[in-house]
Amino acid sequence: MEGWRVAAVAVEWEACAASIDEALAAVPEAHRVARSSVELEELLGAVSDVVEPLDAWQDAERAWRRLRRHTERPRA
């Protein structure tokens, strides 16, 4: 992630870093549910708790693309 840590997308970078921590923290519970439950809805909820924080990456991608568009030079 260090390759895109620039001031213009600092907020998004921090959100992505936090989202990784949040997703990783949810993995043990998802693993426990996967081993112990036969309820699909319960498993989907546990997996969602892992994946949902990573939505921050969509916002970061949009911000990064906006940054690139503003810094690209027009072609001659």
PDB file of N, CA and C in Angstrom:
ATOM      1  N   MET A   1       0.807  -1.196   0.000  1.00  0.00           N
ATOM      2  CA  MET A   1       0.000   0.000   0.000  1.00  0.00           C
ATOM      3  C   MET A   1       0.853   1.264   0.000  1.00  0.00           C
ATOM      4  N   GLU A   2       2.073   1.154   0.402  1.00  0.00           N
ATOM      5  CA  GLU A   2       2.913   2.356   0.485  1.00  0.00           C
ATOM      6  C   GLU A   2       3.079   3.042  -0.871  1.00  0.00           C
ATOM      7  N   GLY A   3       2.953   2.309  -1.960  1.00  0.00           N
ATOM      8  CA  GLY A   3       3.130   2.879  -3.288  1.00  0.00           C
ATOM      9  C   GLY A   3       2.116   3.946  -3.645  1.00  0.00           C
ATOM     10  N   TRP A   4       0.968   3.941  -2.998  1.00  0.00           N
ATOM     11  CA  TRP A   4      -0.027   4.980  -3.288  1.00  0.00           C
ATOM     12  C   TRP A   4      -0.357   5.824  -2.061  1.00  0.00           C
ATOM     13  N   ARG A   5       0.564   5.889  -1.123  1.00  0.00           N
ATOM     14  CA  ARG A   5       0.364   6.742   0.050  1.00  0.00           C
ATOM     15  C   ARG A   5       0.864   8.139  -0.273  1.00  0.00           C
ATOM     16  N   VAL A   6      -0.066   8.954  -0.743  1.00  0.00           N
ATOM     17  CA  VAL A   6       0.230  10.348  -1.066  1.00  0.00           C
ATOM     18  C   VAL A   6      -0.822  11.220  -0.379  1.00  0.00           C
ATOM     19  N   ALA A   7      -0.473  12.455  -0.144  1.00  0.00           N
ATOM     20  CA  ALA A   7      -1.349  13.354   0.606  1.00  0.00           C
ATOM     21  C   ALA A   7      -2.739  13.489  -0.008  1.00  0.00           C
ATOM     22  N   ALA A   8      -2.819  13.486  -1.330  1.00  0.00           N
ATOM     23  CA  ALA A   8      -4.104  13.711  -2.009  1.00  0.00           C
ATOM     24  C   ALA A   8      -5.129  12.610  -1.728  1.00  0.00           C
ATOM     25  N   VAL A   9      -4.674  11.430  -1.351  1.00  0.00           N
ATOM     26  CA  VAL A   9      -5.593  10.331  -1.042  1.00  0.00           C
ATOM     27  C   VAL A   9      -5.328   9.776   0.361  1.00  0.00           C
ATOM     28  N   ALA A  10      -4.837  10.622   1.246  1.00  0.00           N
ATOM     29  CA  ALA A  10      -4.485  10.181   2.605  1.00  0.00           C
ATOM     30  C   ALA A  10      -5.692   9.648   3.369  1.00  0.00           C
ATOM     31  N   VAL A  11      -6.824  10.298   3.239  1.00  0.00           N
ATOM     32  CA  VAL A  11      -8.030   9.849   3.955  1.00  0.00           C
ATOM     33  C   VAL A  11      -8.428   8.460   3.472  1.00  0.00           C
ATOM     34  N   GLU A  12      -8.411   8.272   2.178  1.00  0.00           N
ATOM     35  CA  GLU A  12      -8.770   6.978   1.613  1.00  0.00           C
ATOM     36  C   GLU A  12      -7.748   5.910   1.992  1.00  0.00           C
ATOM     37  N   TRP A  13      -6.470   6.285   2.014  1.00  0.00           N
ATOM     38  CA  TRP A  13      -5.417   5.352   2.382  1.00  0.00           C
ATOM     39  C   TRP A  13      -5.635   4.869   3.811  1.00  0.00           C
ATOM     40  N   GLU A  14      -5.919   5.799   4.713  1.00  0.00           N
ATOM     41  CA  GLU A  14      -6.169   5.434   6.119  1.00  0.00           C
ATOM     42  C   GLU A  14      -7.392   4.535   6.242  1.00  0.00           C
ATOM     43  N   ALA A  15      -8.436   4.830   5.479  1.00  0.00           N
ATOM     44  CA  ALA A  15      -9.648   4.002   5.526  1.00  0.00           C
ATOM     45  C   ALA A  15      -9.348   2.588   5.043  1.00  0.00           C
ATOM     46  N   CYS A  16      -8.530   2.455   4.021  1.00  0.00           N
ATOM     47  CA  CYS A  16      -8.169   1.125   3.525  1.00  0.00           C
ATOM     48  C   CYS A  16      -7.325   0.368   4.543  1.00  0.00           C
ATOM     49  N   ALA A  17      -6.379   1.047   5.144  1.00  0.00           N
ATOM     50  CA  ALA A  17      -5.554   0.397   6.164  1.00  0.00           C
ATOM     51  C   ALA A  17      -6.426  -0.093   7.320  1.00  0.00           C
ATOM     52  N   ALA A  18      -7.360   0.742   7.744  1.00  0.00           N
ATOM     53  CA  ALA A  18      -8.267   0.350   8.833  1.00  0.00           C
ATOM     54  C   ALA A  18      -9.179  -0.790   8.401  1.00  0.00           C
ATOM     55  N   SER A  19      -9.591  -0.781   7.136  1.00  0.00           N
ATOM     56  CA  SER A  19     -10.491  -1.832   6.661  1.00  0.00           C
ATOM     57  C   SER A  19      -9.810  -3.196   6.666  1.00  0.00           C
ATOM     58  N   ILE A  20      -8.534  -3.220   6.386  1.00  0.00           N
ATOM     59  CA  ILE A  20      -7.793  -4.485   6.434  1.00  0.00           C
ATOM     60  C   ILE A  20      -7.781  -5.018   7.862  1.00  0.00           C
ATOM     61  N   ASP A  21      -7.486  -4.147   8.815  1.00  0.00           N
ATOM     62  CA  ASP A  21      -7.483  -4.565  10.221  1.00  0.00           C
ATOM     63  C   ASP A  21      -8.850  -5.078  10.655  1.00  0.00           C
ATOM     64  N   GLU A  22      -9.892  -4.368  10.258  1.00  0.00           N
ATOM     65  CA  GLU A  22     -11.250  -4.762  10.628  1.00  0.00           C
ATOM     66  C   GLU A  22     -11.633  -6.104  10.000  1.00  0.00           C
ATOM     67  N   ALA A  23     -11.294  -6.281   8.747  1.00  0.00           N
ATOM     68  CA  ALA A  23     -11.597  -7.546   8.063  1.00  0.00           C
ATOM     69  C   ALA A  23     -10.840  -8.702   8.710  1.00  0.00           C
ATOM     70  N   LEU A  24      -9.559  -8.490   8.974  1.00  0.00           N
ATOM     71  CA  LEU A  24      -8.770  -9.551   9.610  1.00  0.00           C
ATOM     72  C   LEU A  24      -9.293  -9.898  11.000  1.00  0.00           C
ATOM     73  N   ALA A  25      -9.775  -8.906  11.716  1.00  0.00           N
ATOM     74  CA  ALA A  25     -10.321  -9.160  13.049  1.00  0.00           C
ATOM     75  C   ALA A  25     -11.587 -10.015  12.983  1.00  0.00           C
ATOM     76  N   ALA A  26     -12.315  -9.937  11.882  1.00  0.00           N
ATOM     77  CA  ALA A  26     -13.552 -10.697  11.732  1.00  0.00           C
ATOM     78  C   ALA A  26     -13.321 -12.125  11.241  1.00  0.00           C
ATOM     79  N   VAL A  27     -12.135 -12.430  10.757  1.00  0.00           N
ATOM     80  CA  VAL A  27     -11.853 -13.757  10.198  1.00  0.00           C
ATOM     81  C   VAL A  27     -12.021 -14.881  11.223  1.00  0.00           C
ATOM     82  N   PRO A  28     -11.502 -14.764  12.447  1.00  0.00           N
ATOM     83  CA  PRO A  28     -11.672 -15.880  13.387  1.00  0.00           C
ATOM     84  C   PRO A  28     -13.142 -16.237  13.637  1.00  0.00           C
ATOM     85  N   GLU A  29     -13.990 -15.242  13.746  1.00  0.00           N
ATOM     86  CA  GLU A  29     -15.419 -15.523  13.953  1.00  0.00           C
ATOM     87  C   GLU A  29     -16.021 -16.185  12.719  1.00  0.00           C
ATOM     88  N   ALA A  30     -15.653 -15.725  11.549  1.00  0.00           N
ATOM     89  CA  ALA A  30     -16.156 -16.352  10.324  1.00  0.00           C
ATOM     90  C   ALA A  30     -15.688 -17.803  10.247  1.00  0.00           C
ATOM     91  N   HIS A  31     -14.467 -18.030  10.633  1.00  0.00           N
ATOM     92  CA  HIS A  31     -13.935 -19.398  10.633  1.00  0.00           C
ATOM     93  C   HIS A  31     -14.692 -20.265  11.641  1.00  0.00           C
ATOM     94  N   ARG A  32     -14.951 -19.722  12.812  1.00  0.00           N
ATOM     95  CA  ARG A  32     -15.706 -20.466  13.831  1.00  0.00           C
ATOM     96  C   ARG A  32     -17.094 -20.825  13.326  1.00  0.00           C
ATOM     97  N   VAL A  33     -17.770 -19.859  12.731  1.00  0.00           N
ATOM     98  CA  VAL A  33     -19.113 -20.087  12.199  1.00  0.00           C
ATOM     99  C   VAL A  33     -19.064 -21.129  11.084  1.00  0.00           C
ATOM    100  N   ALA A  34     -18.072 -21.029  10.211  1.00  0.00           N
ATOM    101  CA  ALA A  34     -17.959 -21.979   9.101  1.00  0.00           C
ATOM    102  C   ALA A  34     -17.773 -23.410   9.606  1.00  0.00           C
ATOM    103  N   ARG A  35     -17.051 -23.558  10.698  1.00  0.00           N
ATOM    104  CA  ARG A  35     -16.824 -24.897  11.252  1.00  0.00           C
ATOM    105  C   ARG A  35     -18.017 -25.434  12.024  1.00  0.00           C
ATOM    106  N   SER A  36     -18.819 -24.546  12.601  1.00  0.00           N
ATOM    107  CA  SER A  36     -19.828 -25.016  13.552  1.00  0.00           C
ATOM    108  C   SER A  36     -21.272 -24.884  13.106  1.00  0.00           C
ATOM    109  N   SER A  37     -21.554 -24.100  12.104  1.00  0.00           N
ATOM    110  CA  SER A  37     -22.939 -23.837  11.740  1.00  0.00           C
ATOM    111  C   SER A  37     -23.323 -24.543  10.449  1.00  0.00           C
ATOM    112  N   VAL A  38     -24.564 -24.925  10.377  1.00  0.00           N
ATOM    113  CA  VAL A  38     -25.107 -25.467   9.130  1.00  0.00           C
ATOM    114  C   VAL A  38     -26.086 -24.475   8.509  1.00  0.00           C
ATOM    115  N   GLU A  39     -26.234 -23.325   9.139  1.00  0.00           N
ATOM    116  CA  GLU A  39     -27.140 -22.283   8.673  1.00  0.00           C
ATOM    117  C   GLU A  39     -26.432 -21.373   7.671  1.00  0.00           C
ATOM    118  N   LEU A  40     -26.903 -21.400   6.436  1.00  0.00           N
ATOM    119  CA  LEU A  40     -26.296 -20.572   5.399  1.00  0.00           C
ATOM    120  C   LEU A  40     -26.372 -19.094   5.749  1.00  0.00           C
ATOM    121  N   GLU A  41     -27.488 -18.659   6.277  1.00  0.00           N
ATOM    122  CA  GLU A  41     -27.647 -17.247   6.618  1.00  0.00           C
ATOM    123  C   GLU A  41     -26.619 -16.812   7.668  1.00  0.00           C
ATOM    124  N   GLU A  42     -26.356 -17.655   8.621  1.00  0.00           N
ATOM    125  CA  GLU A  42     -25.365 -17.336   9.651  1.00  0.00           C
ATOM    126  C   GLU A  42     -23.963 -17.247   9.040  1.00  0.00           C
ATOM    127  N   LEU A  43     -23.649 -18.169   8.158  1.00  0.00           N
ATOM    128  CA  LEU A  43     -22.342 -18.152   7.489  1.00  0.00           C
ATOM    129  C   LEU A  43     -22.198 -16.922   6.599  1.00  0.00           C
ATOM    130  N   LEU A  44     -23.247 -16.605   5.858  1.00  0.00           N
ATOM    131  CA  LEU A  44     -23.195 -15.415   5.002  1.00  0.00           C
ATOM    132  C   LEU A  44     -22.988 -14.149   5.824  1.00  0.00           C
ATOM    133  N   GLY A  45     -23.621 -14.084   6.983  1.00  0.00           N
ATOM    134  CA  GLY A  45     -23.432 -12.931   7.861  1.00  0.00           C
ATOM    135  C   GLY A  45     -21.994 -12.818   8.337  1.00  0.00           C
ATOM    136  N   ALA A  46     -21.404 -13.950   8.707  1.00  0.00           N
ATOM    137  CA  ALA A  46     -20.020 -13.946   9.183  1.00  0.00           C
ATOM    138  C   ALA A  46     -19.055 -13.562   8.066  1.00  0.00           C
ATOM    139  N   VAL A  47     -19.291 -14.079   6.875  1.00  0.00           N
ATOM    140  CA  VAL A  47     -18.437 -13.734   5.733  1.00  0.00           C
ATOM    141  C   VAL A  47     -18.613 -12.260   5.375  1.00  0.00           C
ATOM    142  N   SER A  48     -19.834 -11.792   5.445  1.00  0.00           N
ATOM    143  CA  SER A  48     -20.105 -10.379   5.170  1.00  0.00           C
ATOM    144  C   SER A  48     -19.339  -9.472   6.133  1.00  0.00           C
ATOM    145  N   ASP A  49     -19.213  -9.899   7.384  1.00  0.00           N
ATOM    146  CA  ASP A  49     -18.462  -9.114   8.367  1.00  0.00           C
ATOM    147  C   ASP A  49     -16.985  -9.009   7.997  1.00  0.00           C
ATOM    148  N   VAL A  50     -16.479  -9.975   7.246  1.00  0.00           N
ATOM    149  CA  VAL A  50     -15.096  -9.927   6.777  1.00  0.00           C
ATOM    150  C   VAL A  50     -14.981  -9.041   5.541  1.00  0.00           C
ATOM    151  N   VAL A  51     -15.923  -9.185   4.630  1.00  0.00           N
ATOM    152  CA  VAL A  51     -15.823  -8.519   3.334  1.00  0.00           C
ATOM    153  C   VAL A  51     -16.283  -7.060   3.376  1.00  0.00           C
ATOM    154  N   GLU A  52     -17.297  -6.787   4.151  1.00  0.00           N
ATOM    155  CA  GLU A  52     -17.903  -5.450   4.157  1.00  0.00           C
ATOM    156  C   GLU A  52     -16.918  -4.306   4.429  1.00  0.00           C
ATOM    157  N   PRO A  53     -16.017  -4.437   5.391  1.00  0.00           N
ATOM    158  CA  PRO A  53     -15.087  -3.320   5.620  1.00  0.00           C
ATOM    159  C   PRO A  53     -14.241  -2.982   4.398  1.00  0.00           C
ATOM    160  N   LEU A  54     -14.053  -3.955   3.528  1.00  0.00           N
ATOM    161  CA  LEU A  54     -13.195  -3.743   2.362  1.00  0.00           C
ATOM    162  C   LEU A  54     -13.849  -2.874   1.297  1.00  0.00           C
ATOM    163  N   ASP A  55     -15.106  -2.487   1.518  1.00  0.00           N
ATOM    164  CA  ASP A  55     -15.757  -1.545   0.606  1.00  0.00           C
ATOM    165  C   ASP A  55     -14.996  -0.225   0.531  1.00  0.00           C
ATOM    166  N   ALA A  56     -14.214   0.070   1.547  1.00  0.00           N
ATOM    167  CA  ALA A  56     -13.402   1.296   1.540  1.00  0.00           C
ATOM    168  C   ALA A  56     -12.490   1.350   0.321  1.00  0.00           C
ATOM    169  N   TRP A  57     -12.142   0.181  -0.207  1.00  0.00           N
ATOM    170  CA  TRP A  57     -11.257   0.134  -1.364  1.00  0.00           C
ATOM    171  C   TRP A  57     -11.926   0.687  -2.611  1.00  0.00           C
ATOM    172  N   GLN A  58     -13.233   0.586  -2.722  1.00  0.00           N
ATOM    173  CA  GLN A  58     -13.941   1.174  -3.865  1.00  0.00           C
ATOM    174  C   GLN A  58     -13.815   2.685  -3.838  1.00  0.00           C
ATOM    175  N   ASP A  59     -14.009   3.263  -2.668  1.00  0.00           N
ATOM    176  CA  ASP A  59     -13.861   4.716  -2.537  1.00  0.00           C
ATOM    177  C   ASP A  59     -12.433   5.141  -2.850  1.00  0.00           C
ATOM    178  N   ALA A  60     -11.479   4.358  -2.394  1.00  0.00           N
ATOM    179  CA  ALA A  60     -10.072   4.680  -2.652  1.00  0.00           C
ATOM    180  C   ALA A  60      -9.758   4.603  -4.140  1.00  0.00           C
ATOM    181  N   GLU A  61     -10.301   3.609  -4.803  1.00  0.00           N
ATOM    182  CA  GLU A  61     -10.063   3.493  -6.244  1.00  0.00           C
ATOM    183  C   GLU A  61     -10.600   4.717  -6.980  1.00  0.00           C
ATOM    184  N   ARG A  62     -11.804   5.133  -6.624  1.00  0.00           N
ATOM    185  CA  ARG A  62     -12.385   6.322  -7.275  1.00  0.00           C
ATOM    186  C   ARG A  62     -11.518   7.552  -7.015  1.00  0.00           C
ATOM    187  N   ALA A  63     -11.064   7.720  -5.780  1.00  0.00           N
ATOM    188  CA  ALA A  63     -10.223   8.878  -5.448  1.00  0.00           C
ATOM    189  C   ALA A  63      -8.901   8.822  -6.203  1.00  0.00           C
ATOM    190  N   TRP A  64      -8.323   7.644  -6.307  1.00  0.00           N
ATOM    191  CA  TRP A  64      -7.059   7.481  -7.021  1.00  0.00           C
ATOM    192  C   TRP A  64      -7.229   7.801  -8.496  1.00  0.00           C
ATOM    193  N   ARG A  65      -8.323   7.316  -9.081  1.00  0.00           N
ATOM    194  CA  ARG A  65      -8.579   7.602 -10.503  1.00  0.00           C
ATOM    195  C   ARG A  65      -8.794   9.099 -10.733  1.00  0.00           C
ATOM    196  N   ARG A  66      -9.524   9.758  -9.819  1.00  0.00           N
ATOM    197  CA  ARG A  66      -9.698  11.212  -9.940  1.00  0.00           C
ATOM    198  C   ARG A  66      -8.354  11.912  -9.879  1.00  0.00           C
ATOM    199  N   LEU A  67      -7.507  11.485  -8.975  1.00  0.00           N
ATOM    200  CA  LEU A  67      -6.178  12.079  -8.829  1.00  0.00           C
ATOM    201  C   LEU A  67      -5.373  11.899 -10.115  1.00  0.00           C
ATOM    202  N   ARG A  68      -5.423  10.707 -10.681  1.00  0.00           N
ATOM    203  CA  ARG A  68      -4.688  10.454 -11.922  1.00  0.00           C
ATOM    204  C   ARG A  68      -5.211  11.317 -13.062  1.00  0.00           C
ATOM    205  N   ARG A  69      -6.538  11.467 -13.147  1.00  0.00           N
ATOM    206  CA  ARG A  69      -7.106  12.299 -14.228  1.00  0.00           C
ATOM    207  C   ARG A  69      -6.653  13.740 -14.097  1.00  0.00           C
ATOM    208  N   HIS A  70      -6.514  14.232 -12.864  1.00  0.00           N
ATOM    209  CA  HIS A  70      -6.121  15.627 -12.661  1.00  0.00           C
ATOM    210  C   HIS A  70      -4.632  15.845 -12.911  1.00  0.00           C
ATOM    211  N   THR A  71      -3.855  14.784 -12.865  1.00  0.00           N
ATOM    212  CA  THR A  71      -2.410  14.962 -13.031  1.00  0.00           C
ATOM    213  C   THR A  71      -1.901  14.508 -14.391  1.00  0.00           C
ATOM    214  N   GLU A  72      -2.739  13.867 -15.188  1.00  0.00           N
ATOM    215  CA  GLU A  72      -2.306  13.420 -16.510  1.00  0.00           C
ATOM    216  C   GLU A  72      -2.192  14.615 -17.442  1.00  0.00           C
ATOM    217  N   ARG A  73      -1.219  14.546 -18.286  1.00  0.00           N
ATOM    218  CA  ARG A  73      -1.016  15.603 -19.276  1.00  0.00           C
ATOM    219  C   ARG A  73      -1.777  15.250 -20.532  1.00  0.00           C
ATOM    220  N   PRO A  74      -2.353  16.249 -21.182  1.00  0.00           N
ATOM    221  CA  PRO A  74      -3.029  15.975 -22.452  1.00  0.00           C
ATOM    222  C   PRO A  74      -2.028  15.508 -23.491  1.00  0.00           C
ATOM    223  N   ARG A  75      -2.469  14.597 -24.326  1.00  0.00           N
ATOM    224  CA  ARG A  75      -1.578  14.099 -25.393  1.00  0.00           C
ATOM    225  C   ARG A  75      -1.572  15.074 -26.552  1.00  0.00           C
ATOM    226  N   ALA A  76      -0.409  15.233 -27.129  1.00  0.00           N
ATOM    227  CA  ALA A  76      -0.265  16.175 -28.251  1.00  0.00           C
ATOM    228  C   ALA A  76      -0.686  15.554 -29.556  1.00  0.00           C
TER     229      ALA A  76
END
